[in-house]
Amino acid sequence: MKKKKKNFIKIISGILKNQKIYTPKTNLLRPTTNYIKETLFNWLMFSIKNSTCLDCFSGSGSLAIESISRGAKKITAIEKNFFFIKYLKKNLLRLKIKNFFLIHNDCIKWLKNNKSFAYDIVFLDPPYSNIKLLNNTINLINKRKWIKKNSLIYIEKKNDKKKIYVPKKWTLLKLKKTKNIQFQLFLKI
């Protein structure tokens, strides 16, 4: 018997603990696993409260909603897939999340065409096969001052030999790998 794929992600901790984030049935969406999410938020434990966060490739909204649940003050989430946006809006309404700004746009275009605001935490989890998109986004975030001194930048990518662009004033704080995924946390110094 084939195992049925679940179409939700549970919020791990905080005020929305155990609530569900419903997701569409699609192979285009690859939410961060609970193991990786738990590790990430352990890394961010002392930084997430009252922070402002930018989620550049929001997808299911799992990282952004988990941030709100754990006390982030404000989230800006960018997603270009309209189908994912519809699900995210429904989840935000159902969970009664107010301090969440959902933007339906291409991340690169949005970062280029809007006045920058220096966020405390930035999540970068683009489609795995697109290292060029990831590197372009890192460059824009750094150059256009979307981060400030002591901002934290989380990067999740396919565990392969493709190198990411790391700006000079970014220092690697944490790095972990699974069989398929590499995830890391940087600090802007």
N, C-alpha and C. Protein backbone atom coordinates (compact mmCIF):
# COMPACT_ATOMS: atom_id res chain seq x y z
N MET A 1 0.84 -1.18 0.00
CA MET A 1 0.00 0.00 0.00
C MET A 1 0.88 1.25 0.00
N LYS A 2 0.60 2.17 -0.88
CA LYS A 2 1.38 3.41 -1.01
C LYS A 2 1.05 4.35 0.14
N LYS A 3 2.10 4.91 0.75
CA LYS A 3 1.92 5.85 1.85
C LYS A 3 1.37 7.17 1.31
N LYS A 4 0.31 7.67 1.92
CA LYS A 4 -0.30 8.92 1.50
C LYS A 4 0.53 10.10 2.00
N LYS A 5 0.85 11.00 1.09
CA LYS A 5 1.63 12.19 1.45
C LYS A 5 0.76 13.16 2.24
N LYS A 6 1.26 13.61 3.38
CA LYS A 6 0.49 14.58 4.16
C LYS A 6 0.62 15.95 3.51
N ASN A 7 -0.42 16.73 3.60
CA ASN A 7 -0.44 18.05 2.98
C ASN A 7 -0.49 19.15 4.02
N PHE A 8 0.32 18.97 5.06
CA PHE A 8 0.44 20.02 6.06
C PHE A 8 1.79 19.89 6.74
N ILE A 9 2.18 20.98 7.37
CA ILE A 9 3.41 21.04 8.16
C ILE A 9 2.99 21.50 9.54
N LYS A 10 3.49 20.86 10.57
CA LYS A 10 3.16 21.30 11.93
C LYS A 10 4.14 22.36 12.39
N ILE A 11 3.60 23.34 13.09
CA ILE A 11 4.43 24.36 13.72
C ILE A 11 5.04 23.71 14.97
N ILE A 12 6.34 23.82 15.11
CA ILE A 12 7.07 23.07 16.13
C ILE A 12 6.94 23.66 17.52
N SER A 13 7.02 25.00 17.63
CA SER A 13 7.06 25.60 18.96
C SER A 13 6.45 26.99 18.96
N GLY A 14 6.32 27.55 20.15
CA GLY A 14 5.82 28.91 20.29
C GLY A 14 4.32 28.97 20.49
N ILE A 15 3.75 30.15 20.28
CA ILE A 15 2.33 30.37 20.56
C ILE A 15 1.41 29.60 19.60
N LEU A 16 1.93 29.19 18.45
CA LEU A 16 1.12 28.43 17.49
C LEU A 16 1.53 26.95 17.46
N LYS A 17 2.21 26.49 18.48
CA LYS A 17 2.71 25.12 18.52
C LYS A 17 1.61 24.11 18.19
N ASN A 18 1.98 23.14 17.32
CA ASN A 18 1.11 22.05 16.87
C ASN A 18 0.02 22.47 15.90
N GLN A 19 -0.09 23.76 15.58
CA GLN A 19 -1.04 24.19 14.54
C GLN A 19 -0.51 23.69 13.20
N LYS A 20 -1.38 23.61 12.21
CA LYS A 20 -0.98 23.10 10.91
C LYS A 20 -0.90 24.22 9.88
N ILE A 21 0.11 24.08 9.00
CA ILE A 21 0.24 24.93 7.82
C ILE A 21 -0.11 24.01 6.65
N TYR A 22 -1.25 24.25 6.03
CA TYR A 22 -1.68 23.40 4.92
C TYR A 22 -0.94 23.77 3.64
N THR A 23 -0.59 22.76 2.87
CA THR A 23 0.18 22.97 1.64
C THR A 23 -0.51 22.29 0.46
N PRO A 24 -0.27 22.78 -0.75
CA PRO A 24 -0.85 22.13 -1.94
C PRO A 24 -0.16 20.81 -2.24
N LYS A 25 -0.85 19.95 -2.95
CA LYS A 25 -0.27 18.68 -3.42
C LYS A 25 0.52 18.98 -4.69
N THR A 26 1.82 19.13 -4.55
CA THR A 26 2.67 19.43 -5.69
C THR A 26 4.11 19.04 -5.40
N ASN A 27 4.84 18.69 -6.44
CA ASN A 27 6.27 18.40 -6.30
C ASN A 27 7.11 19.67 -6.38
N LEU A 28 6.48 20.80 -6.69
CA LEU A 28 7.21 22.07 -6.80
C LEU A 28 7.56 22.65 -5.43
N LEU A 29 6.84 22.21 -4.42
CA LEU A 29 7.06 22.72 -3.07
C LEU A 29 7.91 21.73 -2.29
N ARG A 30 8.94 22.24 -1.63
CA ARG A 30 9.86 21.42 -0.87
C ARG A 30 10.09 22.09 0.48
N PRO A 31 9.12 21.94 1.39
CA PRO A 31 9.26 22.60 2.69
C PRO A 31 10.46 22.09 3.48
N THR A 32 11.02 22.97 4.29
CA THR A 32 12.12 22.61 5.17
C THR A 32 11.64 21.53 6.13
N THR A 33 12.43 20.47 6.27
CA THR A 33 12.03 19.35 7.13
C THR A 33 11.99 19.78 8.60
N ASN A 34 11.24 19.04 9.41
CA ASN A 34 11.16 19.36 10.84
C ASN A 34 12.52 19.29 11.52
N TYR A 35 13.34 18.31 11.13
CA TYR A 35 14.68 18.19 11.71
C TYR A 35 15.50 19.46 11.45
N ILE A 36 15.50 19.91 10.21
CA ILE A 36 16.28 21.11 9.85
C ILE A 36 15.67 22.35 10.51
N LYS A 37 14.34 22.44 10.49
CA LYS A 37 13.67 23.59 11.10
C LYS A 37 13.97 23.66 12.60
N GLU A 38 13.93 22.52 13.28
CA GLU A 38 14.24 22.48 14.72
C GLU A 38 15.68 22.93 14.97
N THR A 39 16.61 22.45 14.15
CA THR A 39 18.02 22.86 14.28
C THR A 39 18.17 24.36 14.05
N LEU A 40 17.56 24.86 12.98
CA LEU A 40 17.63 26.29 12.66
C LEU A 40 17.12 27.14 13.82
N PHE A 41 15.95 26.80 14.34
CA PHE A 41 15.39 27.64 15.39
C PHE A 41 16.09 27.46 16.74
N ASN A 42 16.81 26.37 16.91
CA ASN A 42 17.71 26.27 18.07
C ASN A 42 18.86 27.26 17.89
N TRP A 43 19.36 27.38 16.66
CA TRP A 43 20.42 28.36 16.37
C TRP A 43 19.92 29.79 16.62
N LEU A 44 18.66 30.04 16.29
CA LEU A 44 18.09 31.39 16.38
C LEU A 44 17.42 31.69 17.72
N MET A 45 17.49 30.75 18.63
CA MET A 45 16.74 30.81 19.89
C MET A 45 16.82 32.17 20.59
N PHE A 46 17.99 32.77 20.63
CA PHE A 46 18.15 34.02 21.37
C PHE A 46 18.04 35.25 20.48
N SER A 47 17.74 35.04 19.19
CA SER A 47 17.68 36.16 18.25
C SER A 47 16.29 36.39 17.66
N ILE A 48 15.42 35.40 17.72
CA ILE A 48 14.15 35.47 17.01
C ILE A 48 13.13 36.41 17.67
N LYS A 49 13.12 36.47 18.99
CA LYS A 49 12.15 37.31 19.71
C LYS A 49 12.30 38.78 19.32
N ASN A 50 11.19 39.38 18.91
CA ASN A 50 11.11 40.80 18.50
C ASN A 50 11.94 41.14 17.27
N SER A 51 12.32 40.14 16.50
CA SER A 51 13.12 40.39 15.30
C SER A 51 12.23 40.74 14.10
N THR A 52 12.86 41.36 13.10
CA THR A 52 12.21 41.56 11.81
C THR A 52 12.86 40.57 10.84
N CYS A 53 12.03 39.86 10.08
CA CYS A 53 12.54 38.78 9.24
C CYS A 53 12.09 38.95 7.80
N LEU A 54 12.97 38.57 6.89
CA LEU A 54 12.68 38.55 5.46
C LEU A 54 12.82 37.13 4.97
N ASP A 55 11.74 36.59 4.40
CA ASP A 55 11.75 35.24 3.84
C ASP A 55 11.66 35.39 2.33
N CYS A 56 12.79 35.21 1.64
CA CYS A 56 12.88 35.55 0.22
C CYS A 56 12.21 34.57 -0.74
N PHE A 57 12.09 33.33 -0.40
CA PHE A 57 11.45 32.33 -1.27
C PHE A 57 10.49 31.54 -0.38
N SER A 58 9.40 32.16 -0.01
CA SER A 58 8.58 31.68 1.09
C SER A 58 7.94 30.31 0.90
N GLY A 59 7.51 29.99 -0.30
CA GLY A 59 6.91 28.67 -0.54
C GLY A 59 5.72 28.42 0.35
N SER A 60 5.84 27.46 1.26
CA SER A 60 4.76 27.11 2.19
C SER A 60 4.60 28.15 3.30
N GLY A 61 5.62 28.96 3.51
CA GLY A 61 5.61 29.93 4.60
C GLY A 61 6.03 29.33 5.93
N SER A 62 6.51 28.10 5.92
CA SER A 62 6.85 27.38 7.14
C SER A 62 7.87 28.12 8.01
N LEU A 63 8.96 28.61 7.42
CA LEU A 63 9.98 29.30 8.21
C LEU A 63 9.45 30.63 8.76
N ALA A 64 8.70 31.35 7.94
CA ALA A 64 8.16 32.64 8.35
C ALA A 64 7.11 32.47 9.46
N ILE A 65 6.21 31.52 9.30
CA ILE A 65 5.16 31.30 10.31
C ILE A 65 5.77 30.76 11.60
N GLU A 66 6.75 29.89 11.50
CA GLU A 66 7.45 29.40 12.71
C GLU A 66 8.11 30.58 13.43
N SER A 67 8.66 31.53 12.68
CA SER A 67 9.28 32.72 13.28
C SER A 67 8.26 33.54 14.06
N ILE A 68 7.08 33.74 13.48
CA ILE A 68 6.01 34.47 14.16
C ILE A 68 5.60 33.73 15.43
N SER A 69 5.44 32.42 15.33
CA SER A 69 5.05 31.62 16.48
C SER A 69 6.05 31.76 17.62
N ARG A 70 7.32 31.95 17.28
CA ARG A 70 8.38 32.04 18.29
C ARG A 70 8.69 33.48 18.70
N GLY A 71 7.87 34.45 18.26
CA GLY A 71 7.99 35.80 18.78
C GLY A 71 8.58 36.85 17.87
N ALA A 72 8.78 36.54 16.58
CA ALA A 72 9.26 37.58 15.65
C ALA A 72 8.24 38.71 15.61
N LYS A 73 8.73 39.93 15.49
CA LYS A 73 7.86 41.10 15.50
C LYS A 73 7.19 41.33 14.15
N LYS A 74 7.93 41.08 13.07
CA LYS A 74 7.42 41.39 11.73
C LYS A 74 8.07 40.46 10.71
N ILE A 75 7.27 39.97 9.78
CA ILE A 75 7.76 39.12 8.69
C ILE A 75 7.39 39.75 7.36
N THR A 76 8.34 39.77 6.44
CA THR A 76 8.06 40.07 5.04
C THR A 76 8.40 38.80 4.29
N ALA A 77 7.41 38.25 3.58
CA ALA A 77 7.60 37.01 2.85
C ALA A 77 7.34 37.24 1.37
N ILE A 78 8.28 36.82 0.53
CA ILE A 78 8.17 37.00 -0.91
C ILE A 78 7.99 35.63 -1.56
N GLU A 79 6.99 35.52 -2.42
CA GLU A 79 6.75 34.27 -3.15
C GLU A 79 6.18 34.63 -4.52
N LYS A 80 6.74 34.02 -5.57
CA LYS A 80 6.26 34.36 -6.91
C LYS A 80 5.19 33.41 -7.44
N ASN A 81 5.04 32.22 -6.83
CA ASN A 81 4.05 31.26 -7.30
C ASN A 81 2.68 31.60 -6.72
N PHE A 82 1.74 31.96 -7.60
CA PHE A 82 0.41 32.40 -7.16
C PHE A 82 -0.33 31.30 -6.40
N PHE A 83 -0.15 30.06 -6.81
CA PHE A 83 -0.79 28.92 -6.16
C PHE A 83 -0.34 28.82 -4.70
N PHE A 84 0.95 29.01 -4.44
CA PHE A 84 1.48 28.98 -3.08
C PHE A 84 0.97 30.17 -2.27
N ILE A 85 0.87 31.32 -2.93
CA ILE A 85 0.36 32.54 -2.28
C ILE A 85 -1.06 32.31 -1.75
N LYS A 86 -1.89 31.68 -2.56
CA LYS A 86 -3.28 31.41 -2.14
C LYS A 86 -3.32 30.57 -0.86
N TYR A 87 -2.50 29.53 -0.80
CA TYR A 87 -2.44 28.69 0.40
C TYR A 87 -1.92 29.48 1.60
N LEU A 88 -0.88 30.26 1.36
CA LEU A 88 -0.31 31.05 2.44
C LEU A 88 -1.33 32.02 3.02
N LYS A 89 -2.08 32.70 2.15
CA LYS A 89 -3.11 33.65 2.62
C LYS A 89 -4.15 32.94 3.49
N LYS A 90 -4.58 31.77 3.05
CA LYS A 90 -5.58 31.01 3.82
C LYS A 90 -5.01 30.61 5.18
N ASN A 91 -3.75 30.16 5.20
CA ASN A 91 -3.12 29.79 6.48
C ASN A 91 -2.99 30.99 7.41
N LEU A 92 -2.59 32.12 6.88
CA LEU A 92 -2.43 33.33 7.70
C LEU A 92 -3.77 33.75 8.30
N LEU A 93 -4.84 33.68 7.51
CA LEU A 93 -6.18 34.02 8.01
C LEU A 93 -6.62 33.04 9.09
N ARG A 94 -6.47 31.76 8.83
CA ARG A 94 -6.90 30.73 9.77
C ARG A 94 -6.13 30.82 11.09
N LEU A 95 -4.82 31.12 11.00
CA LEU A 95 -3.98 31.22 12.20
C LEU A 95 -4.04 32.60 12.86
N LYS A 96 -4.78 33.53 12.23
CA LYS A 96 -4.97 34.90 12.74
C LYS A 96 -3.64 35.63 12.92
N ILE A 97 -2.77 35.50 11.92
CA ILE A 97 -1.46 36.16 11.95
C ILE A 97 -1.60 37.53 11.28
N LYS A 98 -1.24 38.57 11.99
CA LYS A 98 -1.40 39.94 11.49
C LYS A 98 -0.09 40.60 11.05
N ASN A 99 0.99 40.35 11.75
CA ASN A 99 2.26 41.04 11.50
C ASN A 99 3.09 40.34 10.42
N PHE A 100 2.43 40.04 9.31
CA PHE A 100 3.00 39.26 8.22
C PHE A 100 2.68 39.96 6.92
N PHE A 101 3.69 40.37 6.18
CA PHE A 101 3.48 41.06 4.91
C PHE A 101 3.84 40.11 3.79
N LEU A 102 2.84 39.64 3.07
CA LEU A 102 3.01 38.65 2.01
C LEU A 102 3.06 39.38 0.67
N ILE A 103 4.13 39.15 -0.07
CA ILE A 103 4.35 39.84 -1.34
C ILE A 103 4.40 38.82 -2.47
N HIS A 104 3.50 39.00 -3.44
CA HIS A 104 3.47 38.14 -4.63
C HIS A 104 4.36 38.79 -5.69
N ASN A 105 5.61 38.30 -5.78
CA ASN A 105 6.56 38.92 -6.71
C ASN A 105 7.77 37.99 -6.86
N ASP A 106 8.54 38.27 -7.88
CA ASP A 106 9.84 37.63 -8.05
C ASP A 106 10.80 38.28 -7.06
N CYS A 107 11.52 37.47 -6.31
CA CYS A 107 12.39 37.98 -5.25
C CYS A 107 13.43 38.97 -5.77
N ILE A 108 14.12 38.61 -6.84
CA ILE A 108 15.17 39.49 -7.40
C ILE A 108 14.59 40.84 -7.81
N LYS A 109 13.47 40.81 -8.52
CA LYS A 109 12.82 42.07 -8.94
C LYS A 109 12.44 42.90 -7.73
N TRP A 110 11.86 42.27 -6.73
CA TRP A 110 11.41 43.00 -5.56
C TRP A 110 12.59 43.62 -4.81
N LEU A 111 13.66 42.87 -4.63
CA LEU A 111 14.84 43.39 -3.94
C LEU A 111 15.48 44.56 -4.70
N LYS A 112 15.44 44.49 -6.02
CA LYS A 112 16.02 45.56 -6.84
C LYS A 112 15.16 46.82 -6.85
N ASN A 113 13.84 46.65 -6.83
CA ASN A 113 12.93 47.77 -7.09
C ASN A 113 12.28 48.39 -5.87
N ASN A 114 12.65 47.96 -4.69
CA ASN A 114 12.06 48.52 -3.48
C ASN A 114 13.13 49.12 -2.59
N LYS A 115 12.70 50.12 -1.80
CA LYS A 115 13.61 50.75 -0.86
C LYS A 115 13.98 49.74 0.21
N SER A 116 15.25 49.60 0.48
CA SER A 116 15.69 48.58 1.42
C SER A 116 15.34 48.93 2.86
N PHE A 117 15.15 47.89 3.62
CA PHE A 117 14.92 47.94 5.06
C PHE A 117 15.83 46.89 5.65
N ALA A 118 16.65 47.23 6.60
CA ALA A 118 17.63 46.28 7.15
C ALA A 118 16.95 45.33 8.13
N TYR A 119 16.82 44.08 7.72
CA TYR A 119 16.19 43.05 8.54
C TYR A 119 17.19 42.44 9.52
N ASP A 120 16.65 41.91 10.61
CA ASP A 120 17.47 41.21 11.61
C ASP A 120 17.85 39.81 11.14
N ILE A 121 16.88 39.14 10.49
CA ILE A 121 17.08 37.76 10.04
C ILE A 121 16.55 37.63 8.61
N VAL A 122 17.33 36.96 7.76
CA VAL A 122 16.92 36.72 6.38
C VAL A 122 16.99 35.22 6.11
N PHE A 123 15.91 34.68 5.53
CA PHE A 123 15.85 33.27 5.16
C PHE A 123 16.00 33.15 3.65
N LEU A 124 16.97 32.36 3.20
CA LEU A 124 17.20 32.11 1.78
C LEU A 124 17.13 30.61 1.52
N ASP A 125 16.02 30.19 0.98
CA ASP A 125 15.79 28.77 0.68
C ASP A 125 15.15 28.67 -0.70
N PRO A 126 15.93 29.01 -1.75
CA PRO A 126 15.38 28.99 -3.11
C PRO A 126 15.30 27.57 -3.66
N PRO A 127 14.72 27.41 -4.85
CA PRO A 127 14.75 26.08 -5.48
C PRO A 127 16.19 25.57 -5.51
N TYR A 128 16.40 24.31 -5.11
CA TYR A 128 17.74 23.76 -4.92
C TYR A 128 18.65 23.79 -6.14
N SER A 129 18.10 23.60 -7.29
CA SER A 129 18.94 23.49 -8.48
C SER A 129 19.43 24.84 -8.98
N ASN A 130 18.98 25.94 -8.38
CA ASN A 130 19.27 27.25 -8.92
C ASN A 130 20.29 28.01 -8.06
N ILE A 131 21.55 27.63 -8.17
CA ILE A 131 22.61 28.29 -7.40
C ILE A 131 22.83 29.72 -7.87
N LYS A 132 22.58 29.97 -9.15
CA LYS A 132 22.72 31.34 -9.69
C LYS A 132 21.71 32.28 -9.03
N LEU A 133 20.48 31.81 -8.88
CA LEU A 133 19.44 32.60 -8.20
C LEU A 133 19.85 32.88 -6.76
N LEU A 134 20.35 31.87 -6.07
CA LEU A 134 20.80 32.05 -4.69
C LEU A 134 21.93 33.07 -4.61
N ASN A 135 22.93 32.95 -5.46
CA ASN A 135 24.06 33.88 -5.44
C ASN A 135 23.65 35.30 -5.80
N ASN A 136 22.76 35.45 -6.76
CA ASN A 136 22.25 36.79 -7.11
C ASN A 136 21.50 37.42 -5.94
N THR A 137 20.73 36.60 -5.24
CA THR A 137 19.97 37.10 -4.09
C THR A 137 20.90 37.52 -2.96
N ILE A 138 21.90 36.71 -2.68
CA ILE A 138 22.89 37.05 -1.64
C ILE A 138 23.56 38.38 -1.99
N ASN A 139 23.97 38.53 -3.23
CA ASN A 139 24.62 39.75 -3.67
C ASN A 139 23.71 40.97 -3.48
N LEU A 140 22.45 40.85 -3.89
CA LEU A 140 21.51 41.97 -3.74
C LEU A 140 21.24 42.32 -2.29
N ILE A 141 21.05 41.32 -1.46
CA ILE A 141 20.78 41.57 -0.04
C ILE A 141 21.94 42.30 0.60
N ASN A 142 23.13 41.92 0.24
CA ASN A 142 24.31 42.54 0.81
C ASN A 142 24.54 43.95 0.24
N LYS A 143 24.51 44.07 -1.07
CA LYS A 143 24.79 45.36 -1.73
C LYS A 143 23.75 46.43 -1.45
N ARG A 144 22.48 46.03 -1.47
CA ARG A 144 21.38 47.00 -1.32
C ARG A 144 21.01 47.26 0.13
N LYS A 145 21.80 46.71 1.05
CA LYS A 145 21.64 46.96 2.50
C LYS A 145 20.28 46.48 3.05
N TRP A 146 19.91 45.26 2.68
CA TRP A 146 18.72 44.62 3.26
C TRP A 146 19.07 44.00 4.62
N ILE A 147 20.35 44.03 4.96
CA ILE A 147 20.82 43.56 6.26
C ILE A 147 21.71 44.62 6.87
N LYS A 148 21.96 44.49 8.15
CA LYS A 148 22.80 45.44 8.89
C LYS A 148 23.84 44.67 9.69
N LYS A 149 24.67 45.36 10.40
CA LYS A 149 25.64 44.70 11.27
C LYS A 149 24.87 43.84 12.27
N ASN A 150 25.31 42.60 12.44
CA ASN A 150 24.71 41.61 13.34
C ASN A 150 23.43 40.96 12.81
N SER A 151 23.08 41.22 11.56
CA SER A 151 21.97 40.48 10.95
C SER A 151 22.39 39.03 10.75
N LEU A 152 21.42 38.13 10.83
CA LEU A 152 21.67 36.71 10.61
C LEU A 152 21.06 36.30 9.27
N ILE A 153 21.78 35.48 8.52
CA ILE A 153 21.33 35.03 7.20
C ILE A 153 21.36 33.51 7.18
N TYR A 154 20.18 32.93 6.97
CA TYR A 154 20.07 31.47 6.89
C TYR A 154 20.01 31.07 5.42
N ILE A 155 20.84 30.09 5.04
CA ILE A 155 20.87 29.61 3.66
C ILE A 155 20.69 28.10 3.65
N GLU A 156 19.73 27.66 2.83
CA GLU A 156 19.49 26.23 2.64
C GLU A 156 19.65 25.92 1.17
N LYS A 157 20.45 24.91 0.85
CA LYS A 157 20.70 24.55 -0.55
C LYS A 157 20.92 23.05 -0.68
N LYS A 158 20.94 22.60 -1.90
CA LYS A 158 21.23 21.20 -2.19
C LYS A 158 22.65 20.89 -1.71
N ASN A 159 22.83 19.72 -1.14
CA ASN A 159 24.16 19.32 -0.66
C ASN A 159 24.97 18.82 -1.86
N ASP A 160 25.60 19.75 -2.53
CA ASP A 160 26.43 19.41 -3.69
C ASP A 160 27.69 20.27 -3.65
N LYS A 161 28.50 20.19 -4.68
CA LYS A 161 29.78 20.91 -4.72
C LYS A 161 29.66 22.36 -5.21
N LYS A 162 28.45 22.78 -5.60
CA LYS A 162 28.28 24.15 -6.08
C LYS A 162 28.49 25.12 -4.93
N LYS A 163 29.34 26.11 -5.18
CA LYS A 163 29.71 27.09 -4.16
C LYS A 163 28.74 28.26 -4.14
N ILE A 164 28.48 28.74 -2.93
CA ILE A 164 27.68 29.95 -2.82
C ILE A 164 28.62 31.15 -2.67
N TYR A 165 28.12 32.29 -3.10
CA TYR A 165 28.85 33.55 -2.96
C TYR A 165 28.70 33.99 -1.50
N VAL A 166 29.82 34.24 -0.83
CA VAL A 166 29.78 34.71 0.55
C VAL A 166 30.48 36.07 0.60
N PRO A 167 29.74 37.14 0.90
CA PRO A 167 30.35 38.47 0.99
C PRO A 167 31.42 38.53 2.09
N LYS A 168 32.33 39.48 1.94
CA LYS A 168 33.48 39.61 2.84
C LYS A 168 33.10 39.76 4.31
N LYS A 169 32.06 40.52 4.59
CA LYS A 169 31.71 40.79 5.99
C LYS A 169 30.68 39.80 6.54
N TRP A 170 30.58 38.63 5.93
CA TRP A 170 29.72 37.58 6.45
C TRP A 170 30.62 36.51 7.06
N THR A 171 30.29 36.12 8.26
CA THR A 171 31.05 35.05 8.91
C THR A 171 30.12 33.86 9.15
N LEU A 172 30.63 32.68 8.89
CA LEU A 172 29.86 31.46 9.07
C LEU A 172 29.79 31.11 10.55
N LEU A 173 28.55 31.01 11.08
CA LEU A 173 28.35 30.63 12.47
C LEU A 173 28.07 29.15 12.63
N LYS A 174 27.22 28.63 11.75
CA LYS A 174 26.79 27.24 11.86
C LYS A 174 26.69 26.63 10.47
N LEU A 175 27.00 25.34 10.38
CA LEU A 175 26.87 24.59 9.13
C LEU A 175 26.52 23.16 9.46
N LYS A 176 25.50 22.64 8.79
CA LYS A 176 25.11 21.24 8.95
C LYS A 176 24.74 20.69 7.59
N LYS A 177 24.86 19.38 7.47
CA LYS A 177 24.50 18.71 6.22
C LYS A 177 23.70 17.46 6.52
N THR A 178 22.77 17.17 5.63
CA THR A 178 22.11 15.87 5.61
C THR A 178 22.55 15.23 4.29
N LYS A 179 22.00 14.11 3.98
CA LYS A 179 22.35 13.45 2.73
C LYS A 179 22.10 14.35 1.52
N ASN A 180 20.99 15.08 1.53
CA ASN A 180 20.59 15.89 0.37
C ASN A 180 20.69 17.39 0.56
N ILE A 181 20.80 17.86 1.80
CA ILE A 181 20.66 19.29 2.08
C ILE A 181 21.84 19.82 2.89
N GLN A 182 22.25 21.03 2.55
CA GLN A 182 23.25 21.76 3.32
C GLN A 182 22.57 23.02 3.84
N PHE A 183 22.70 23.28 5.11
CA PHE A 183 22.10 24.50 5.67
C PHE A 183 23.09 25.18 6.60
N GLN A 184 23.07 26.49 6.53
CA GLN A 184 24.09 27.26 7.25
C GLN A 184 23.54 28.60 7.72
N LEU A 185 24.19 29.13 8.75
CA LEU A 185 23.80 30.41 9.31
C LEU A 185 25.02 31.33 9.31
N PHE A 186 24.83 32.52 8.75
CA PHE A 186 25.89 33.53 8.68
C PHE A 186 25.52 34.73 9.52
N LEU A 187 26.54 35.45 9.97
CA LEU A 187 26.38 36.71 10.70
C LEU A 187 27.07 37.79 9.89
N LYS A 188 26.36 38.91 9.71
CA LYS A 188 27.00 40.06 9.05
C LYS A 188 27.76 40.83 10.12
N ILE A 189 29.08 40.97 9.93
CA ILE A 189 29.90 41.66 10.94
C ILE A 189 30.20 43.10 10.51
